[in-house]
Amino acid sequence: MRRIDWVRVVFALLADLTLFASGSFAQTLSLDGTGEALAVAVFSEFGLSATLEGEARWSGTVAADAGTVCLVANGSLQAVAVYGFFDLILEGWLAFEASGATTDGTAAEVRGLLYLKTETIGMLRSGESISGTHYTLIDVGGAPMVFHGSFVGSATGGVVPSDTPRTIQAEGSGSVRLSGAGINPSDEFLAGIPLDHGALTSEFVESVRALFLSKKP
């Protein structure tokens, strides 16, 4: 009679249960985004702060236990970025939301936040690669899934005449690739991103938190 290694069996079952409880098993995200934005920057004696608004397009795949779906979505983006002249730290938050559909016509929504923090001498050059972390909600047919992972991207652009005194405006376009795994959403799942930064308005923070509601207000 074949001997059963019950220790191995128990540990295998525990591993499966842990993955099931985390909600991350068999849930992966691969998403490409492109967009255009207008940036308005303000200088101070300590550094530079900028706000961005624009449009974004997303396409990619979501693999879950029920199978893999491909989707396309179009929407908007808004961002805040700060650069310190003394610490040489560039920090940015980019929020996005878009609506679209899967290849079989099921309604889909893409909403999320990219976060970047890096030390650099001077502002990023046009076309320079950037990377950071993201939280992204994908809602397919009313079934929301939240993903956490990394992104890589780049942007190009140039300065344009400013509509506001003592500001600099720039127009540009960019592309980004998101990858990640499914997570269990909770009140603290954005804890790794500093949303209490002085450069962020309460309106921006609230709009970010609203992105991850299953049904937006």
Protein backbone atom coordinates (compact mmCIF):
# COMPACT_ATOMS: atom_id res chain seq x y z
CA MET A 1 0.00 0.00 0.00
CA ARG A 2 1.32 3.43 -0.99
CA ARG A 3 2.39 5.54 1.99
CA ILE A 4 0.92 9.04 2.14
CA ASP A 5 3.16 11.83 3.36
CA TRP A 6 0.55 13.66 5.45
CA VAL A 7 2.97 16.44 6.37
CA ARG A 8 3.38 17.37 2.70
CA VAL A 9 -0.36 17.12 2.13
CA VAL A 10 -1.16 19.41 5.05
CA PHE A 11 1.38 22.02 3.99
CA ALA A 12 0.11 21.94 0.40
CA LEU A 13 -3.47 22.47 1.60
CA LEU A 14 -2.39 25.33 3.84
CA ALA A 15 -0.59 26.96 0.92
CA ASP A 16 -3.71 26.69 -1.25
CA LEU A 17 -5.91 28.11 1.50
CA THR A 18 -3.52 31.02 2.01
CA LEU A 19 -3.62 31.87 -1.69
CA PHE A 20 -7.41 31.58 -1.72
CA ALA A 21 -7.78 33.84 1.32
CA SER A 22 -5.47 36.46 -0.15
CA GLY A 23 -7.57 36.70 -3.28
CA SER A 24 -4.39 36.89 -5.36
CA PHE A 25 -4.35 33.36 -6.75
CA ALA A 26 -4.76 33.17 -10.54
CA GLN A 27 -5.34 36.93 -10.77
CA THR A 28 -2.76 38.85 -12.79
CA LEU A 29 -2.81 42.12 -14.69
CA SER A 30 -0.94 43.25 -17.80
CA LEU A 31 -2.03 46.68 -19.00
CA ASP A 32 -0.62 49.21 -21.47
CA GLY A 33 -1.56 52.88 -21.33
CA THR A 34 -0.95 55.90 -23.54
CA GLY A 35 -2.05 59.48 -23.02
CA GLU A 36 -1.60 63.18 -23.52
CA ALA A 37 -1.62 65.85 -20.81
CA LEU A 38 -1.09 69.53 -20.11
CA ALA A 39 1.19 70.29 -17.16
CA VAL A 40 1.22 73.57 -15.24
CA ALA A 41 4.31 74.08 -13.06
CA VAL A 42 4.95 76.66 -10.35
CA PHE A 43 8.43 77.45 -9.01
CA SER A 44 9.31 78.42 -5.45
CA GLU A 45 12.58 78.91 -3.58
CA PHE A 46 12.40 75.29 -2.43
CA GLY A 47 11.46 73.54 -5.65
CA LEU A 48 8.81 72.98 -8.24
CA SER A 49 5.24 71.69 -8.09
CA ALA A 50 3.09 70.76 -11.05
CA THR A 51 -0.42 69.59 -11.86
CA LEU A 52 -1.39 67.62 -14.94
CA GLU A 53 -4.68 66.88 -16.66
CA GLY A 54 -5.29 64.90 -19.80
CA GLU A 55 -6.67 61.86 -21.57
CA ALA A 56 -5.61 58.23 -21.37
CA ARG A 57 -6.25 55.00 -23.24
CA TRP A 58 -5.77 51.51 -21.83
CA SER A 59 -5.57 48.03 -23.32
CA GLY A 60 -4.50 44.72 -21.87
CA THR A 61 -5.45 41.47 -20.22
CA VAL A 62 -6.75 40.32 -16.85
CA ALA A 63 -6.23 36.69 -15.93
CA ALA A 64 -8.51 35.38 -13.19
CA ASP A 65 -9.65 31.93 -12.07
CA ALA A 66 -12.57 32.19 -14.50
CA GLY A 67 -10.27 32.78 -17.47
CA THR A 68 -8.46 35.59 -19.29
CA VAL A 69 -10.22 38.66 -20.65
CA CYS A 70 -8.91 41.35 -22.98
CA LEU A 71 -10.18 44.90 -22.61
CA VAL A 72 -9.87 48.40 -24.08
CA ALA A 73 -10.89 51.59 -22.23
CA ASN A 74 -10.66 55.36 -22.71
CA GLY A 75 -10.80 58.06 -20.05
CA SER A 76 -9.02 60.83 -18.18
CA LEU A 77 -6.02 61.36 -15.94
CA GLN A 78 -4.96 63.91 -13.33
CA ALA A 79 -1.63 64.13 -11.57
CA VAL A 80 0.45 66.04 -9.05
CA ALA A 81 4.26 66.14 -9.06
CA VAL A 82 6.81 67.86 -6.82
CA TYR A 83 10.58 68.27 -7.10
CA GLY A 84 12.82 69.56 -4.31
CA PHE A 85 15.89 71.64 -5.10
CA PHE A 86 17.62 70.57 -1.89
CA ASP A 87 16.84 66.86 -1.56
CA LEU A 88 16.65 66.28 -5.36
CA ILE A 89 13.59 64.06 -4.87
CA LEU A 90 10.96 63.84 -7.58
CA GLU A 91 7.61 62.52 -6.36
CA GLY A 92 4.42 62.09 -8.33
CA TRP A 93 0.87 60.75 -8.09
CA LEU A 94 -1.18 60.04 -11.23
CA ALA A 95 -4.84 59.06 -10.92
CA PHE A 96 -6.81 57.68 -13.85
CA GLU A 97 -10.23 56.35 -14.73
CA ALA A 98 -11.57 54.95 -17.98
CA SER A 99 -14.54 53.07 -19.38
CA GLY A 100 -14.64 50.54 -22.18
CA ALA A 101 -15.39 46.91 -22.91
CA THR A 102 -13.90 43.47 -23.26
CA THR A 103 -13.58 41.75 -26.63
CA ASP A 104 -16.93 40.01 -26.07
CA GLY A 105 -18.68 43.34 -25.37
CA THR A 106 -18.88 43.16 -21.57
CA ALA A 107 -18.66 46.60 -19.94
CA ALA A 108 -15.31 47.27 -18.26
CA GLU A 109 -13.85 50.03 -16.11
CA VAL A 110 -10.20 50.79 -15.33
CA ARG A 111 -9.39 53.03 -12.36
CA GLY A 112 -6.23 53.49 -10.37
CA LEU A 113 -3.21 55.37 -9.08
CA LEU A 114 0.45 55.40 -10.13
CA TYR A 115 3.07 56.54 -7.61
CA LEU A 116 6.64 57.55 -8.35
CA LYS A 117 9.46 58.58 -6.03
CA THR A 118 13.03 58.88 -7.20
CA GLU A 119 16.19 60.89 -6.64
CA THR A 120 17.35 62.74 -9.74
CA ILE A 121 19.61 65.66 -10.59
CA GLY A 122 17.29 68.03 -12.39
CA MET A 123 13.88 67.22 -13.82
CA LEU A 124 13.41 64.13 -15.94
CA ARG A 125 14.57 64.43 -19.52
CA SER A 126 12.17 63.87 -22.39
CA GLY A 127 11.92 60.16 -23.11
CA GLU A 128 13.68 59.11 -19.90
CA SER A 129 12.40 55.86 -18.40
CA ILE A 130 10.55 56.00 -15.08
CA SER A 131 9.20 53.32 -12.77
CA GLY A 132 7.09 53.05 -9.66
CA THR A 133 4.18 51.29 -8.02
CA HIS A 134 0.47 51.21 -8.76
CA TYR A 135 -2.94 50.16 -7.43
CA THR A 136 -5.50 49.46 -10.13
CA LEU A 137 -9.16 48.46 -10.00
CA ILE A 138 -10.57 46.51 -12.93
CA ASP A 139 -14.34 46.10 -13.07
CA VAL A 140 -15.62 43.66 -15.67
CA GLY A 141 -19.37 43.25 -15.83
CA GLY A 142 -19.83 44.51 -12.27
CA ALA A 143 -17.17 42.24 -10.76
CA PRO A 144 -14.36 44.46 -9.39
CA MET A 145 -10.81 43.22 -8.86
CA VAL A 146 -7.97 45.24 -7.30
CA PHE A 147 -4.35 44.76 -8.39
CA HIS A 148 -1.05 45.94 -6.96
CA GLY A 149 2.27 45.93 -8.78
CA SER A 150 4.81 47.98 -10.65
CA PHE A 151 4.88 50.16 -13.74
CA VAL A 152 7.47 51.39 -16.22
CA GLY A 153 7.00 54.22 -18.68
CA SER A 154 8.28 57.37 -20.32
CA ALA A 155 7.01 60.72 -21.56
CA THR A 156 7.99 63.30 -24.16
CA GLY A 157 6.90 66.89 -24.57
CA GLY A 158 7.83 70.53 -24.57
CA VAL A 159 7.08 73.96 -23.13
CA VAL A 160 4.17 75.95 -24.56
CA PRO A 161 3.04 79.56 -23.91
CA SER A 162 1.58 79.90 -20.41
CA ASP A 163 -1.89 81.28 -19.72
CA THR A 164 -1.01 82.18 -16.12
CA PRO A 165 1.72 84.56 -14.93
CA ARG A 166 4.72 83.04 -13.10
CA THR A 167 3.93 79.52 -14.29
CA ILE A 168 5.35 77.24 -16.94
CA GLN A 169 3.12 75.08 -19.12
CA ALA A 170 4.11 72.00 -21.04
CA GLU A 171 2.28 69.61 -23.31
CA GLY A 172 3.34 66.03 -23.70
CA SER A 173 2.46 62.42 -24.34
CA GLY A 174 3.51 59.25 -22.62
CA SER A 175 3.18 55.52 -22.39
CA VAL A 176 3.21 53.14 -19.46
CA ARG A 177 3.01 49.41 -18.81
CA LEU A 178 1.41 48.04 -15.65
CA SER A 179 1.88 44.56 -14.24
CA GLY A 180 0.59 43.17 -10.97
CA ALA A 181 -1.27 40.56 -8.96
CA GLY A 182 -4.72 40.61 -7.39
CA ILE A 183 -5.08 41.67 -3.77
CA ASN A 184 -7.84 41.89 -1.19
CA PRO A 185 -8.97 45.53 -1.05
CA SER A 186 -9.24 47.03 2.43
CA ASP A 187 -9.20 50.43 4.10
CA GLU A 188 -5.42 50.22 4.44
CA PHE A 189 -4.40 48.88 1.05
CA LEU A 190 -3.20 52.36 -0.06
CA ALA A 191 -1.08 52.69 3.08
CA GLY A 192 2.11 52.27 1.06
CA ILE A 193 1.45 55.49 -0.85
CA PRO A 194 1.82 58.80 1.07
CA LEU A 195 -1.52 60.50 0.46
CA ASP A 196 -0.84 62.88 3.36
CA HIS A 197 1.81 64.81 1.40
CA GLY A 198 1.49 68.59 1.66
CA ALA A 199 1.35 68.97 -2.12
CA LEU A 200 -1.92 67.00 -2.34
CA THR A 201 -5.23 68.78 -1.89
CA SER A 202 -8.04 67.14 0.03
CA GLU A 203 -10.06 67.09 -3.20
CA PHE A 204 -7.34 65.10 -4.98
CA VAL A 205 -7.02 62.61 -2.12
CA GLU A 206 -10.77 62.07 -1.95
CA SER A 207 -10.95 61.55 -5.71
CA VAL A 208 -8.20 58.92 -5.42
CA ARG A 209 -10.02 57.04 -2.66
CA ALA A 210 -13.27 57.19 -4.66
CA LEU A 211 -11.56 55.42 -7.56
CA PHE A 212 -11.46 52.20 -5.55
CA LEU A 213 -15.09 52.11 -4.52
CA SER A 214 -16.99 49.27 -6.20
CA LYS A 215 -19.68 51.79 -7.08
CA LYS A 216 -18.49 55.36 -7.39
CA PRO A 217 -20.69 58.03 -5.77
